[in-house]
Amino acid sequence: RFLLPTPFALFLGRANADKGALDAARAVLRLRRAGRSISLVLAGTATPEFTRFIARLPAVDRTAIYHLGPVSETEKHALLEACAMLLLPSRTDALGLVLLEAWQHARPVIGARAGGIPGVIDDGENGLLIDYGDVAGLAGAIGDLLAQPDRAGTMGEAGRRKNLTTYTWDEVARRVEAAYALAC
């Protein structure tokens, strides 16, 4: 149902500052102004702060950012399949389930070194980590993955493998049982 330009970086979740949505938009705009072909697609609700930010952008910049609003599970997975990468430059996520969903589709991820994200992403192996609020670093990471599609593909596949070995129900149950055994 969506006609989106490619390549695009995907942001899934509430579009607000804490989640890094404004930083994601600023990073993509930085790359566009440098002549790179990239757009940002956001799926999820937006805060008034984000809506005002987008409204204040020049018209040419607004053409690089697509806010779809809430999407269905089917649409979310279609977006994950079509995106070049997933962005989660958040300072508030404990796990970042969207990272695991991106890895289901063998997509590389870029996340912030904040909250629980560094415990999920193995920097340089299945994704890239940047400092929260570092727009230049985020733009650089996006640009690196765009410039090195083989590396991006390798990272996405490494993420898929991590999903299959670390985040299965059997493995999670084994770790919970081990934690209980230590506590008792």
Foldseek 3Di string as FASTA:
>chain_A
DDDDDPAEEEEEEEQDQQQPNVLVLLLVLVCVVVPDDYAYEYAEHYDVVVVVVLVPDPPVSNVRYHYPYHDDPVVVLVCLLRYQAYEGQHQDDQDPVVLLSSLCNLFAYEYEPHHNVCVLDDDQQQYHYDHRPPSNVVSVRVVVCVVCVVSRSRSSPSSNVCCVPCVDPVNVVVVVVVVVVVVD
